[in-house]
PDB file of N, CA and C in Angstrom:
ATOM      1  N   SER A   1       1.108  -8.714  12.788  1.00  0.00           N
ATOM      2  CA  SER A   1       1.571 -10.065  13.027  1.00  0.00           C
ATOM      3  C   SER A   1       3.052 -10.177  12.638  1.00  0.00           C
ATOM      4  N   TYR A   2       3.733 -11.035  13.303  1.00  0.00           N
ATOM      5  CA  TYR A   2       5.142 -11.259  12.981  1.00  0.00           C
ATOM      6  C   TYR A   2       5.325 -12.384  11.970  1.00  0.00           C
ATOM      7  N   THR A   3       4.245 -13.071  11.654  1.00  0.00           N
ATOM      8  CA  THR A   3       4.278 -14.117  10.631  1.00  0.00           C
ATOM      9  C   THR A   3       3.108 -13.893   9.676  1.00  0.00           C
ATOM     10  N   PRO A   4       3.270 -14.254   8.406  1.00  0.00           N
ATOM     11  CA  PRO A   4       2.210 -14.007   7.431  1.00  0.00           C
ATOM     12  C   PRO A   4       0.876 -14.645   7.829  1.00  0.00           C
ATOM     13  N   VAL A   5      -0.189 -13.876   7.595  1.00  0.00           N
ATOM     14  CA  VAL A   5      -1.554 -14.356   7.829  1.00  0.00           C
ATOM     15  C   VAL A   5      -2.380 -14.243   6.547  1.00  0.00           C
ATOM     16  N   PHE A   6      -1.765 -13.733   5.493  1.00  0.00           N
ATOM     17  CA  PHE A   6      -2.430 -13.559   4.209  1.00  0.00           C
ATOM     18  C   PHE A   6      -1.569 -14.239   3.155  1.00  0.00           C
ATOM     19  N   PHE A   7      -2.181 -15.111   2.333  1.00  0.00           N
ATOM     20  CA  PHE A   7      -1.398 -15.960   1.446  1.00  0.00           C
ATOM     21  C   PHE A   7      -1.834 -15.859  -0.014  1.00  0.00           C
ATOM     22  N   PHE A   8      -0.855 -15.968  -0.902  1.00  0.00           N
ATOM     23  CA  PHE A   8      -1.078 -15.859  -2.337  1.00  0.00           C
ATOM     24  C   PHE A   8      -2.107 -16.861  -2.837  1.00  0.00           C
ATOM     25  N   PHE A   9      -2.097 -18.078  -2.306  1.00  0.00           N
ATOM     26  CA  PHE A   9      -3.000 -19.111  -2.812  1.00  0.00           C
ATOM     27  C   PHE A   9      -4.471 -18.727  -2.653  1.00  0.00           C
ATOM     28  N   SER A  10      -4.771 -17.763  -1.799  1.00  0.00           N
ATOM     29  CA  SER A  10      -6.162 -17.354  -1.588  1.00  0.00           C
ATOM     30  C   SER A  10      -6.619 -16.262  -2.569  1.00  0.00           C
ATOM     31  N   LEU A  11      -5.715 -15.784  -3.414  1.00  0.00           N
ATOM     32  CA  LEU A  11      -6.039 -14.693  -4.340  1.00  0.00           C
ATOM     33  C   LEU A  11      -6.532 -15.204  -5.687  1.00  0.00           C
ATOM     34  N   LYS A  12      -7.475 -14.477  -6.256  1.00  0.00           N
ATOM     35  CA  LYS A  12      -7.938 -14.750  -7.608  1.00  0.00           C
ATOM     36  C   LYS A  12      -7.193 -13.818  -8.560  1.00  0.00           C
ATOM     37  N   PRO A  13      -7.085 -14.186  -9.833  1.00  0.00           N
ATOM     38  CA  PRO A  13      -6.447 -13.291 -10.801  1.00  0.00           C
ATOM     39  C   PRO A  13      -7.112 -11.911 -10.767  1.00  0.00           C
ATOM     40  N   GLY A  14      -6.296 -10.880 -10.832  1.00  0.00           N
ATOM     41  CA  GLY A  14      -6.802  -9.516 -10.831  1.00  0.00           C
ATOM     42  C   GLY A  14      -7.083  -8.941  -9.455  1.00  0.00           C
ATOM     43  N   ALA A  15      -6.760  -9.685  -8.412  1.00  0.00           N
ATOM     44  CA  ALA A  15      -7.021  -9.208  -7.047  1.00  0.00           C
ATOM     45  C   ALA A  15      -6.106  -8.042  -6.693  1.00  0.00           C
ATOM     46  N   HIS A  16      -6.572  -7.253  -5.737  1.00  0.00           N
ATOM     47  CA  HIS A  16      -5.756  -6.176  -5.173  1.00  0.00           C
ATOM     48  C   HIS A  16      -5.649  -6.411  -3.677  1.00  0.00           C
ATOM     49  N   VAL A  17      -4.452  -6.240  -3.131  1.00  0.00           N
ATOM     50  CA  VAL A  17      -4.201  -6.421  -1.700  1.00  0.00           C
ATOM     51  C   VAL A  17      -3.729  -5.091  -1.126  1.00  0.00           C
ATOM     52  N   ASN A  18      -4.365  -4.655  -0.039  1.00  0.00           N
ATOM     53  CA  ASN A  18      -3.891  -3.500   0.724  1.00  0.00           C
ATOM     54  C   ASN A  18      -3.225  -4.021   1.978  1.00  0.00           C
ATOM     55  N   GLY A  19      -1.956  -3.736   2.161  1.00  0.00           N
ATOM     56  CA  GLY A  19      -1.240  -4.134   3.371  1.00  0.00           C
ATOM     57  C   GLY A  19      -1.103  -2.941   4.294  1.00  0.00           C
ATOM     58  N   VAL A  20      -1.815  -2.970   5.419  1.00  0.00           N
ATOM     59  CA  VAL A  20      -1.782  -1.832   6.339  1.00  0.00           C
ATOM     60  C   VAL A  20      -1.524  -2.236   7.784  1.00  0.00           C
ATOM     61  N   GLY A  21      -1.453  -3.526   8.074  1.00  0.00           N
ATOM     62  CA  GLY A  21      -1.377  -3.964   9.462  1.00  0.00           C
ATOM     63  C   GLY A  21       0.001  -3.977  10.083  1.00  0.00           C
ATOM     64  N   SER A  22       0.993  -4.417   9.347  1.00  0.00           N
ATOM     65  CA  SER A  22       2.334  -4.503   9.937  1.00  0.00           C
ATOM     66  C   SER A  22       2.999  -3.134   9.878  1.00  0.00           C
ATOM     67  N   PHE A  23       3.558  -2.703  10.992  1.00  0.00           N
ATOM     68  CA  PHE A  23       4.114  -1.349  11.082  1.00  0.00           C
ATOM     69  C   PHE A  23       5.529  -1.333  11.639  1.00  0.00           C
ATOM     70  N   ARG A  24       6.160  -2.492  11.650  1.00  0.00           N
ATOM     71  CA  ARG A  24       7.564  -2.595  12.073  1.00  0.00           C
ATOM     72  C   ARG A  24       8.321  -3.409  11.034  1.00  0.00           C
ATOM     73  N   THR A  25       9.617  -3.209  10.979  1.00  0.00           N
ATOM     74  CA  THR A  25      10.417  -3.943   9.991  1.00  0.00           C
ATOM     75  C   THR A  25      10.531  -5.420  10.331  1.00  0.00           C
ATOM     76  N   THR A  26      10.095  -5.810  11.509  1.00  0.00           N
ATOM     77  CA  THR A  26      10.134  -7.220  11.912  1.00  0.00           C
ATOM     78  C   THR A  26       8.780  -7.904  11.755  1.00  0.00           C
ATOM     79  N   MET A  27       7.779  -7.169  11.294  1.00  0.00           N
ATOM     80  CA  MET A  27       6.432  -7.721  11.122  1.00  0.00           C
ATOM     81  C   MET A  27       6.181  -8.019   9.650  1.00  0.00           C
ATOM     82  N   GLN A  28       5.487  -9.146   9.404  1.00  0.00           N
ATOM     83  CA  GLN A  28       5.232  -9.547   8.017  1.00  0.00           C
ATOM     84  C   GLN A  28       3.895 -10.267   7.949  1.00  0.00           C
ATOM     85  N   GLU A  29       2.849  -9.568   7.518  1.00  0.00           N
ATOM     86  CA  GLU A  29       1.520 -10.167   7.440  1.00  0.00           C
ATOM     87  C   GLU A  29       1.197 -10.747   6.070  1.00  0.00           C
ATOM     88  N   ILE A  30       1.909 -10.297   5.044  1.00  0.00           N
ATOM     89  CA  ILE A  30       1.679 -10.752   3.675  1.00  0.00           C
ATOM     90  C   ILE A  30       2.793 -11.724   3.305  1.00  0.00           C
ATOM     91  N   ASP A  31       2.423 -12.881   2.747  1.00  0.00           N
ATOM     92  CA  ASP A  31       3.445 -13.890   2.460  1.00  0.00           C
ATOM     93  C   ASP A  31       4.336 -13.488   1.285  1.00  0.00           C
ATOM     94  N   LEU A  32       5.492 -14.122   1.226  1.00  0.00           N
ATOM     95  CA  LEU A  32       6.498 -13.818   0.211  1.00  0.00           C
ATOM     96  C   LEU A  32       5.960 -14.013  -1.202  1.00  0.00           C
ATOM     97  N   ALA A  33       5.200 -15.074  -1.441  1.00  0.00           N
ATOM     98  CA  ALA A  33       4.679 -15.336  -2.787  1.00  0.00           C
ATOM     99  C   ALA A  33       3.808 -14.182  -3.279  1.00  0.00           C
ATOM    100  N   THR A  34       3.002 -13.612  -2.399  1.00  0.00           N
ATOM    101  CA  THR A  34       2.166 -12.469  -2.787  1.00  0.00           C
ATOM    102  C   THR A  34       3.041 -11.289  -3.171  1.00  0.00           C
ATOM    103  N   VAL A  35       4.050 -11.016  -2.372  1.00  0.00           N
ATOM    104  CA  VAL A  35       4.953  -9.897  -2.660  1.00  0.00           C
ATOM    105  C   VAL A  35       5.678 -10.136  -3.984  1.00  0.00           C
ATOM    106  N   GLN A  36       6.187 -11.333  -4.186  1.00  0.00           N
ATOM    107  CA  GLN A  36       6.963 -11.634  -5.391  1.00  0.00           C
ATOM    108  C   GLN A  36       6.121 -11.593  -6.664  1.00  0.00           C
ATOM    109  N   ARG A  37       4.859 -11.972  -6.576  1.00  0.00           N
ATOM    110  CA  ARG A  37       4.024 -12.108  -7.770  1.00  0.00           C
ATOM    111  C   ARG A  37       3.100 -10.915  -8.011  1.00  0.00           C
ATOM    112  N   SER A  38       3.286  -9.858  -7.261  1.00  0.00           N
ATOM    113  CA  SER A  38       2.417  -8.686  -7.374  1.00  0.00           C
ATOM    114  C   SER A  38       3.151  -7.482  -7.939  1.00  0.00           C
ATOM    115  N   LEU A  39       2.370  -6.580  -8.521  1.00  0.00           N
ATOM    116  CA  LEU A  39       2.861  -5.247  -8.838  1.00  0.00           C
ATOM    117  C   LEU A  39       2.802  -4.486  -7.521  1.00  0.00           C
ATOM    118  N   VAL A  40       3.954  -4.101  -6.992  1.00  0.00           N
ATOM    119  CA  VAL A  40       4.034  -3.530  -5.641  1.00  0.00           C
ATOM    120  C   VAL A  40       4.120  -2.005  -5.701  1.00  0.00           C
ATOM    121  N   VAL A  41       3.237  -1.368  -4.927  1.00  0.00           N
ATOM    122  CA  VAL A  41       3.206   0.088  -4.800  1.00  0.00           C
ATOM    123  C   VAL A  41       3.261   0.422  -3.318  1.00  0.00           C
ATOM    124  N   VAL A  42       4.016   1.448  -2.970  1.00  0.00           N
ATOM    125  CA  VAL A  42       4.121   1.893  -1.572  1.00  0.00           C
ATOM    126  C   VAL A  42       3.682   3.350  -1.487  1.00  0.00           C
ATOM    127  N   ASP A  43       3.298   3.784  -0.295  1.00  0.00           N
ATOM    128  CA  ASP A  43       2.979   5.203  -0.155  1.00  0.00           C
ATOM    129  C   ASP A  43       4.256   6.034  -0.153  1.00  0.00           C
ATOM    130  N   SER A  44       5.339   5.485   0.402  1.00  0.00           N
ATOM    131  CA  SER A  44       6.620   6.196   0.447  1.00  0.00           C
ATOM    132  C   SER A  44       7.758   5.185   0.520  1.00  0.00           C
ATOM    133  N   ARG A  45       8.687   5.258  -0.422  1.00  0.00           N
ATOM    134  CA  ARG A  45       9.847   4.360  -0.367  1.00  0.00           C
ATOM    135  C   ARG A  45      10.667   4.614   0.898  1.00  0.00           C
ATOM    136  N   GLU A  46      10.837   5.874   1.239  1.00  0.00           N
ATOM    137  CA  GLU A  46      11.619   6.217   2.431  1.00  0.00           C
ATOM    138  C   GLU A  46      10.970   5.638   3.690  1.00  0.00           C
ATOM    139  N   ALA A  47       9.683   5.838   3.857  1.00  0.00           N
ATOM    140  CA  ALA A  47       8.980   5.328   5.039  1.00  0.00           C
ATOM    141  C   ALA A  47       8.926   3.804   5.042  1.00  0.00           C
ATOM    142  N   MET A  48       8.900   3.202   3.861  1.00  0.00           N
ATOM    143  CA  MET A  48       8.875   1.746   3.752  1.00  0.00           C
ATOM    144  C   MET A  48      10.037   1.118   4.518  1.00  0.00           C
ATOM    145  N   TRP A  49      11.225   1.709   4.394  1.00  0.00           N
ATOM    146  CA  TRP A  49      12.417   1.156   5.046  1.00  0.00           C
ATOM    147  C   TRP A  49      12.334   1.231   6.565  1.00  0.00           C
ATOM    148  N   GLU A  50      11.481   2.091   7.091  1.00  0.00           N
ATOM    149  CA  GLU A  50      11.348   2.258   8.541  1.00  0.00           C
ATOM    150  C   GLU A  50      10.256   1.392   9.150  1.00  0.00           C
ATOM    151  N   GLU A  51       9.250   0.987   8.347  1.00  0.00           N
ATOM    152  CA  GLU A  51       8.075   0.359   8.940  1.00  0.00           C
ATOM    153  C   GLU A  51       7.507  -0.850   8.205  1.00  0.00           C
ATOM    154  N   ALA A  52       7.906  -1.119   6.993  1.00  0.00           N
ATOM    155  CA  ALA A  52       7.215  -2.115   6.174  1.00  0.00           C
ATOM    156  C   ALA A  52       7.930  -3.456   6.130  1.00  0.00           C
ATOM    157  N   GLY A  53       7.797  -4.223   7.191  1.00  0.00           N
ATOM    158  CA  GLY A  53       8.412  -5.544   7.229  1.00  0.00           C
ATOM    159  C   GLY A  53       7.976  -6.441   6.091  1.00  0.00           C
ATOM    160  N   ASP A  54       6.731  -6.260   5.609  1.00  0.00           N
ATOM    161  CA  ASP A  54       6.248  -7.047   4.471  1.00  0.00           C
ATOM    162  C   ASP A  54       7.185  -6.931   3.275  1.00  0.00           C
ATOM    163  N   LEU A  55       7.884  -5.815   3.171  1.00  0.00           N
ATOM    164  CA  LEU A  55       8.822  -5.603   2.070  1.00  0.00           C
ATOM    165  C   LEU A  55      10.273  -5.615   2.523  1.00  0.00           C
ATOM    166  N   VAL A  56      10.558  -5.065   3.688  1.00  0.00           N
ATOM    167  CA  VAL A  56      11.939  -4.999   4.178  1.00  0.00           C
ATOM    168  C   VAL A  56      12.511  -6.399   4.396  1.00  0.00           C
ATOM    169  N   ILE A  57      11.719  -7.301   4.949  1.00  0.00           N
ATOM    170  CA  ILE A  57      12.214  -8.664   5.208  1.00  0.00           C
ATOM    171  C   ILE A  57      12.631  -9.349   3.907  1.00  0.00           C
ATOM    172  N   PRO A  58      11.775  -9.397   2.862  1.00  0.00           N
ATOM    173  CA  PRO A  58      12.233 -10.033   1.620  1.00  0.00           C
ATOM    174  C   PRO A  58      13.330  -9.253   0.900  1.00  0.00           C
ATOM    175  N   LEU A  59      13.354  -7.927   1.043  1.00  0.00           N
ATOM    176  CA  LEU A  59      14.450  -7.153   0.454  1.00  0.00           C
ATOM    177  C   LEU A  59      15.774  -7.516   1.111  1.00  0.00           C
ATOM    178  N   ASN A  60      15.800  -7.540   2.428  1.00  0.00           N
ATOM    179  CA  ASN A  60      17.036  -7.860   3.153  1.00  0.00           C
ATOM    180  C   ASN A  60      17.482  -9.298   2.940  1.00  0.00           C
ATOM    181  N   ALA A  61      16.526 -10.196   2.706  1.00  0.00           N
ATOM    182  CA  ALA A  61      16.856 -11.608   2.477  1.00  0.00           C
ATOM    183  C   ALA A  61      17.273 -11.869   1.031  1.00  0.00           C
ATOM    184  N   GLY A  62      17.124 -10.876   0.164  1.00  0.00           N
ATOM    185  CA  GLY A  62      17.455 -11.060  -1.244  1.00  0.00           C
ATOM    186  C   GLY A  62      16.370 -11.769  -2.028  1.00  0.00           C
ATOM    187  N   ASP A  63      15.171 -11.894  -1.450  1.00  0.00           N
ATOM    188  CA  ASP A  63      14.064 -12.567  -2.133  1.00  0.00           C
ATOM    189  C   ASP A  63      13.415 -11.678  -3.189  1.00  0.00           C
ATOM    190  N   ILE A  64      13.552 -10.366  -3.038  1.00  0.00           N
ATOM    191  CA  ILE A  64      13.144  -9.405  -4.060  1.00  0.00           C
ATOM    192  C   ILE A  64      14.214  -8.314  -4.109  1.00  0.00           C
ATOM    193  N   ALA A  65      14.292  -7.644  -5.239  1.00  0.00           N
ATOM    194  CA  ALA A  65      15.218  -6.513  -5.388  1.00  0.00           C
ATOM    195  C   ALA A  65      14.444  -5.221  -5.156  1.00  0.00           C
ATOM    196  N   GLU A  66      15.150  -4.156  -4.831  1.00  0.00           N
ATOM    197  CA  GLU A  66      14.484  -2.873  -4.613  1.00  0.00           C
ATOM    198  C   GLU A  66      13.717  -2.434  -5.863  1.00  0.00           C
ATOM    199  N   SER A  67      14.186  -2.850  -7.026  1.00  0.00           N
ATOM    200  CA  SER A  67      13.498  -2.510  -8.276  1.00  0.00           C
ATOM    201  C   SER A  67      12.125  -3.174  -8.386  1.00  0.00           C
ATOM    202  N   HIS A  68      11.844  -4.153  -7.523  1.00  0.00           N
ATOM    203  CA  HIS A  68      10.529  -4.805  -7.513  1.00  0.00           C
ATOM    204  C   HIS A  68       9.445  -3.853  -7.000  1.00  0.00           C
ATOM    205  N   ILE A  69       9.838  -2.820  -6.266  1.00  0.00           N
ATOM    206  CA  ILE A  69       8.881  -1.810  -5.818  1.00  0.00           C
ATOM    207  C   ILE A  69       8.586  -0.947  -7.041  1.00  0.00           C
ATOM    208  N   HIS A  70       7.434  -1.138  -7.626  1.00  0.00           N
ATOM    209  CA  HIS A  70       7.089  -0.507  -8.905  1.00  0.00           C
ATOM    210  C   HIS A  70       6.967   1.008  -8.803  1.00  0.00           C
ATOM    211  N   ALA A  71       6.296   1.489  -7.751  1.00  0.00           N
ATOM    212  CA  ALA A  71       6.019   2.926  -7.688  1.00  0.00           C
ATOM    213  C   ALA A  71       5.596   3.345  -6.294  1.00  0.00           C
ATOM    214  N   GLU A  72       5.659   4.645  -6.070  1.00  0.00           N
ATOM    215  CA  GLU A  72       5.013   5.255  -4.913  1.00  0.00           C
ATOM    216  C   GLU A  72       3.603   5.661  -5.354  1.00  0.00           C
ATOM    217  N   LEU A  73       2.694   5.751  -4.404  1.00  0.00           N
ATOM    218  CA  LEU A  73       1.312   6.111  -4.704  1.00  0.00           C
ATOM    219  C   LEU A  73       1.228   7.409  -5.506  1.00  0.00           C
ATOM    220  N   GLY A  74       2.014   8.400  -5.128  1.00  0.00           N
ATOM    221  CA  GLY A  74       2.003   9.676  -5.844  1.00  0.00           C
ATOM    222  C   GLY A  74       2.373   9.537  -7.309  1.00  0.00           C
ATOM    223  N   GLU A  75       3.261   8.591  -7.622  1.00  0.00           N
ATOM    224  CA  GLU A  75       3.646   8.362  -9.017  1.00  0.00           C
ATOM    225  C   GLU A  75       2.485   7.793  -9.824  1.00  0.00           C
ATOM    226  N   LEU A  76       1.658   6.958  -9.189  1.00  0.00           N
ATOM    227  CA  LEU A  76       0.482   6.425  -9.882  1.00  0.00           C
ATOM    228  C   LEU A  76      -0.561   7.513 -10.080  1.00  0.00           C
ATOM    229  N   VAL A  77      -0.838   8.254  -9.011  1.00  0.00           N
ATOM    230  CA  VAL A  77      -1.866   9.292  -9.062  1.00  0.00           C
ATOM    231  C   VAL A  77      -1.517  10.372 -10.085  1.00  0.00           C
ATOM    232  N   SER A  78      -0.250  10.724 -10.178  1.00  0.00           N
ATOM    233  CA  SER A  78       0.178  11.773 -11.115  1.00  0.00           C
ATOM    234  C   SER A  78       0.287  11.271 -12.551  1.00  0.00           C
ATOM    235  N   GLY A  79       0.260   9.956 -12.735  1.00  0.00           N
ATOM    236  CA  GLY A  79       0.413   9.388 -14.065  1.00  0.00           C
ATOM    237  C   GLY A  79       1.859   9.169 -14.471  1.00  0.00           C
ATOM    238  N   ALA A  80       2.792   9.437 -13.561  1.00  0.00           N
ATOM    239  CA  ALA A  80       4.213   9.248 -13.873  1.00  0.00           C
ATOM    240  C   ALA A  80       4.546   7.776 -14.103  1.00  0.00           C
ATOM    241  N   LYS A  81       3.810   6.887 -13.432  1.00  0.00           N
ATOM    242  CA  LYS A  81       4.002   5.443 -13.615  1.00  0.00           C
ATOM    243  C   LYS A  81       2.633   4.811 -13.820  1.00  0.00           C
ATOM    244  N   PRO A  82       2.584   3.750 -14.639  1.00  0.00           N
ATOM    245  CA  PRO A  82       1.296   3.085 -14.866  1.00  0.00           C
ATOM    246  C   PRO A  82       0.925   2.192 -13.684  1.00  0.00           C
ATOM    247  N   GLY A  83      -0.352   1.919 -13.580  1.00  0.00           N
ATOM    248  CA  GLY A  83      -0.823   0.964 -12.577  1.00  0.00           C
ATOM    249  C   GLY A  83      -0.896  -0.419 -13.190  1.00  0.00           C
ATOM    250  N   ARG A  84      -1.973  -1.101 -12.899  1.00  0.00           N
ATOM    251  CA  ARG A  84      -2.199  -2.461 -13.406  1.00  0.00           C
ATOM    252  C   ARG A  84      -2.053  -2.484 -14.927  1.00  0.00           C
ATOM    253  N   THR A  85      -1.357  -3.504 -15.434  1.00  0.00           N
ATOM    254  CA  THR A  85      -1.132  -3.595 -16.875  1.00  0.00           C
ATOM    255  C   THR A  85      -1.933  -4.706 -17.537  1.00  0.00           C
ATOM    256  N   SER A  86      -2.652  -5.499 -16.750  1.00  0.00           N
ATOM    257  CA  SER A  86      -3.542  -6.518 -17.307  1.00  0.00           C
ATOM    258  C   SER A  86      -4.651  -6.805 -16.295  1.00  0.00           C
ATOM    259  N   ARG A  87      -5.751  -7.346 -16.784  1.00  0.00           N
ATOM    260  CA  ARG A  87      -6.892  -7.668 -15.906  1.00  0.00           C
ATOM    261  C   ARG A  87      -6.517  -8.668 -14.826  1.00  0.00           C
ATOM    262  N   ASP A  88      -5.627  -9.592 -15.131  1.00  0.00           N
ATOM    263  CA  ASP A  88      -5.285 -10.664 -14.196  1.00  0.00           C
ATOM    264  C   ASP A  88      -4.147 -10.315 -13.244  1.00  0.00           C
ATOM    265  N   GLN A  89      -3.492  -9.207 -13.474  1.00  0.00           N
ATOM    266  CA  GLN A  89      -2.347  -8.838 -12.638  1.00  0.00           C
ATOM    267  C   GLN A  89      -2.782  -8.626 -11.185  1.00  0.00           C
ATOM    268  N   ILE A  90      -2.010  -9.185 -10.269  1.00  0.00           N
ATOM    269  CA  ILE A  90      -2.224  -8.980  -8.834  1.00  0.00           C
ATOM    270  C   ILE A  90      -1.485  -7.698  -8.451  1.00  0.00           C
ATOM    271  N   THR A  91      -2.144  -6.838  -7.691  1.00  0.00           N
ATOM    272  CA  THR A  91      -1.505  -5.610  -7.225  1.00  0.00           C
ATOM    273  C   THR A  91      -1.472  -5.606  -5.704  1.00  0.00           C
ATOM    274  N   PHE A  92      -0.410  -5.041  -5.152  1.00  0.00           N
ATOM    275  CA  PHE A  92      -0.217  -4.978  -3.700  1.00  0.00           C
ATOM    276  C   PHE A  92       0.213  -3.568  -3.329  1.00  0.00           C
ATOM    277  N   PHE A  93      -0.606  -2.898  -2.519  1.00  0.00           N
ATOM    278  CA  PHE A  93      -0.273  -1.571  -2.014  1.00  0.00           C
ATOM    279  C   PHE A  93       0.103  -1.697  -0.556  1.00  0.00           C
ATOM    280  N   LYS A  94       1.324  -1.331  -0.223  1.00  0.00           N
ATOM    281  CA  LYS A  94       1.794  -1.347   1.163  1.00  0.00           C
ATOM    282  C   LYS A  94       1.785   0.076   1.689  1.00  0.00           C
ATOM    283  N   SER A  95       0.921   0.310   2.664  1.00  0.00           N
ATOM    284  CA  SER A  95       0.803   1.628   3.278  1.00  0.00           C
ATOM    285  C   SER A  95       1.377   1.591   4.681  1.00  0.00           C
ATOM    286  N   VAL A  96       2.242   2.542   4.969  1.00  0.00           N
ATOM    287  CA  VAL A  96       2.740   2.675   6.343  1.00  0.00           C
ATOM    288  C   VAL A  96       2.206   3.949   6.981  1.00  0.00           C
ATOM    289  N   GLY A  97       1.553   4.779   6.186  1.00  0.00           N
ATOM    290  CA  GLY A  97       0.964   6.009   6.702  1.00  0.00           C
ATOM    291  C   GLY A  97       1.883   7.195   6.519  1.00  0.00           C
ATOM    292  N   VAL A  98       1.453   8.119   5.706  1.00  0.00           N
ATOM    293  CA  VAL A  98       2.200   9.346   5.466  1.00  0.00           C
ATOM    294  C   VAL A  98       1.267  10.494   5.835  1.00  0.00           C
ATOM    295  N   ALA A  99       1.658  11.283   6.805  1.00  0.00           N
ATOM    296  CA  ALA A  99       0.778  12.302   7.380  1.00  0.00           C
ATOM    297  C   ALA A  99       0.210  13.260   6.339  1.00  0.00           C
ATOM    298  N   VAL A 100       1.012  13.690   5.385  1.00  0.00           N
ATOM    299  CA  VAL A 100       0.510  14.642   4.394  1.00  0.00           C
ATOM    300  C   VAL A 100      -0.588  14.005   3.543  1.00  0.00           C
ATOM    301  N   GLN A 101      -0.470  12.711   3.232  1.00  0.00           N
ATOM    302  CA  GLN A 101      -1.523  12.032   2.484  1.00  0.00           C
ATOM    303  C   GLN A 101      -2.795  11.946   3.318  1.00  0.00           C
ATOM    304  N   ASP A 102      -2.655  11.688   4.609  1.00  0.00           N
ATOM    305  CA  ASP A 102      -3.818  11.637   5.500  1.00  0.00           C
ATOM    306  C   ASP A 102      -4.511  12.992   5.556  1.00  0.00           C
ATOM    307  N   ALA A 103      -3.741  14.063   5.675  1.00  0.00           N
ATOM    308  CA  ALA A 103      -4.312  15.408   5.763  1.00  0.00           C
ATOM    309  C   ALA A 103      -5.044  15.787   4.474  1.00  0.00           C
ATOM    310  N   ILE A 104      -4.450  15.491   3.341  1.00  0.00           N
ATOM    311  CA  ILE A 104      -5.083  15.806   2.057  1.00  0.00           C
ATOM    312  C   ILE A 104      -6.351  14.983   1.878  1.00  0.00           C
ATOM    313  N   SER A 105      -6.299  13.703   2.224  1.00  0.00           N
ATOM    314  CA  SER A 105      -7.486  12.847   2.123  1.00  0.00           C
ATOM    315  C   SER A 105      -8.607  13.370   3.008  1.00  0.00           C
ATOM    316  N   GLY A 106      -8.266  13.789   4.215  1.00  0.00           N
ATOM    317  CA  GLY A 106      -9.258  14.348   5.131  1.00  0.00           C
ATOM    318  C   GLY A 106      -9.888  15.616   4.579  1.00  0.00           C
ATOM    319  N   ARG A 107      -9.060  16.489   4.006  1.00  0.00           N
ATOM    320  CA  ARG A 107      -9.579  17.728   3.422  1.00  0.00           C
ATOM    321  C   ARG A 107     -10.527  17.437   2.267  1.00  0.00           C
ATOM    322  N   ILE A 108     -10.157  16.505   1.406  1.00  0.00           N
ATOM    323  CA  ILE A 108     -11.009  16.152   0.265  1.00  0.00           C
ATOM    324  C   ILE A 108     -12.332  15.564   0.753  1.00  0.00           C
ATOM    325  N   ALA A 109     -12.270  14.692   1.758  1.00  0.00           N
ATOM    326  CA  ALA A 109     -13.495  14.104   2.310  1.00  0.00           C
ATOM    327  C   ALA A 109     -14.396  15.186   2.896  1.00  0.00           C
ATOM    328  N   LEU A 110     -13.828  16.122   3.636  1.00  0.00           N
ATOM    329  CA  LEU A 110     -14.603  17.216   4.228  1.00  0.00           C
ATOM    330  C   LEU A 110     -15.237  18.082   3.142  1.00  0.00           C
ATOM    331  N   GLU A 111     -14.457  18.455   2.133  1.00  0.00           N
ATOM    332  CA  GLU A 111     -14.989  19.289   1.052  1.00  0.00           C
ATOM    333  C   GLU A 111     -16.136  18.595   0.329  1.00  0.00           C
ATOM    334  N   ASN A 112     -15.996  17.288   0.085  1.00  0.00           N
ATOM    335  CA  ASN A 112     -17.065  16.538  -0.577  1.00  0.00           C
ATOM    336  C   ASN A 112     -18.306  16.438   0.300  1.00  0.00           C
ATOM    337  N   ALA A 113     -18.117  16.231   1.597  1.00  0.00           N
ATOM    338  CA  ALA A 113     -19.260  16.159   2.517  1.00  0.00           C
ATOM    339  C   ALA A 113     -20.014  17.486   2.530  1.00  0.00           C
ATOM    340  N   ILE A 114     -19.293  18.593   2.607  1.00  0.00           N
ATOM    341  CA  ILE A 114     -19.927  19.916   2.608  1.00  0.00           C
ATOM    342  C   ILE A 114     -20.657  20.153   1.290  1.00  0.00           C
ATOM    343  N   ALA A 115     -20.012  19.828   0.179  1.00  0.00           N
ATOM    344  CA  ALA A 115     -20.612  20.040  -1.141  1.00  0.00           C
ATOM    345  C   ALA A 115     -21.897  19.244  -1.328  1.00  0.00           C
ATOM    346  N   HIS A 116     -21.996  18.088  -0.675  1.00  0.00           N
ATOM    347  CA  HIS A 116     -23.175  17.227  -0.818  1.00  0.00           C
ATOM    348  C   HIS A 116     -24.127  17.327   0.372  1.00  0.00           C
ATOM    349  N   GLY A 117     -23.878  18.260   1.269  1.00  0.00           N
ATOM    350  CA  GLY A 117     -24.765  18.449   2.417  1.00  0.00           C
ATOM    351  C   GLY A 117     -24.791  17.272   3.373  1.00  0.00           C
ATOM    352  N   LEU A 118     -23.678  16.603   3.523  1.00  0.00           N
ATOM    353  CA  LEU A 118     -23.601  15.425   4.392  1.00  0.00           C
ATOM    354  C   LEU A 118     -22.952  15.773   5.721  1.00  0.00           C
ATOM    355  N   GLY A 119     -23.339  15.060   6.759  1.00  0.00           N
ATOM    356  CA  GLY A 119     -22.707  15.222   8.057  1.00  0.00           C
ATOM    357  C   GLY A 119     -23.292  16.383   8.843  1.00  0.00           C
ATOM    358  N   THR A 120     -22.715  16.607   9.984  1.00  0.00           N
ATOM    359  CA  THR A 120     -23.142  17.681  10.882  1.00  0.00           C
ATOM    360  C   THR A 120     -21.930  18.519  11.248  1.00  0.00           C
ATOM    361  N   LEU A 121     -22.031  19.815  11.024  1.00  0.00           N
ATOM    362  CA  LEU A 121     -20.944  20.719  11.368  1.00  0.00           C
ATOM    363  C   LEU A 121     -21.010  21.013  12.861  1.00  0.00           C
ATOM    364  N   VAL A 122     -19.930  20.792  13.552  1.00  0.00           N
ATOM    365  CA  VAL A 122     -19.860  21.021  14.992  1.00  0.00           C
ATOM    366  C   VAL A 122     -18.859  22.145  15.236  1.00  0.00           C
ATOM    367  N   HIS A 123     -19.306  23.186  15.928  1.00  0.00           N
ATOM    368  CA  HIS A 123     -18.412  24.298  16.267  1.00  0.00           C
ATOM    369  C   HIS A 123     -17.818  24.039  17.644  1.00  0.00           C
ATOM    370  N   LEU A 124     -16.534  24.076  17.750  1.00  0.00           N
ATOM    371  CA  LEU A 124     -15.863  23.835  19.033  1.00  0.00           C
ATOM    372  C   LEU A 124     -15.384  25.129  19.637  1.00  0.00           C
TER     373      LEU A 124
END
């Protein structure tokens, strides 16, 4: 969407928001209040500038500073940066899609399925 369809007033304390729908710098599905009042994590800061209008629009307008982007997903997973710091904190993860993360996630899912005897192996 080119205009927000998700609003801060609908969130309860401690909520988590995944932003995955907008994929252009001109698209903004999450409202400014949610972005401003959340701990913001992105999959990639570099990719964010190419596709994440939810963040690029308020950054370019001066509504948030680049320092408002708390971390990249890898920084949270590795423990380099902390995640949520209180039960009531709102968190917002903006994903634009990073191929290496998709490939690793797929491999982990496949390995877990095989280990648990799930699914059907198809030989092509």
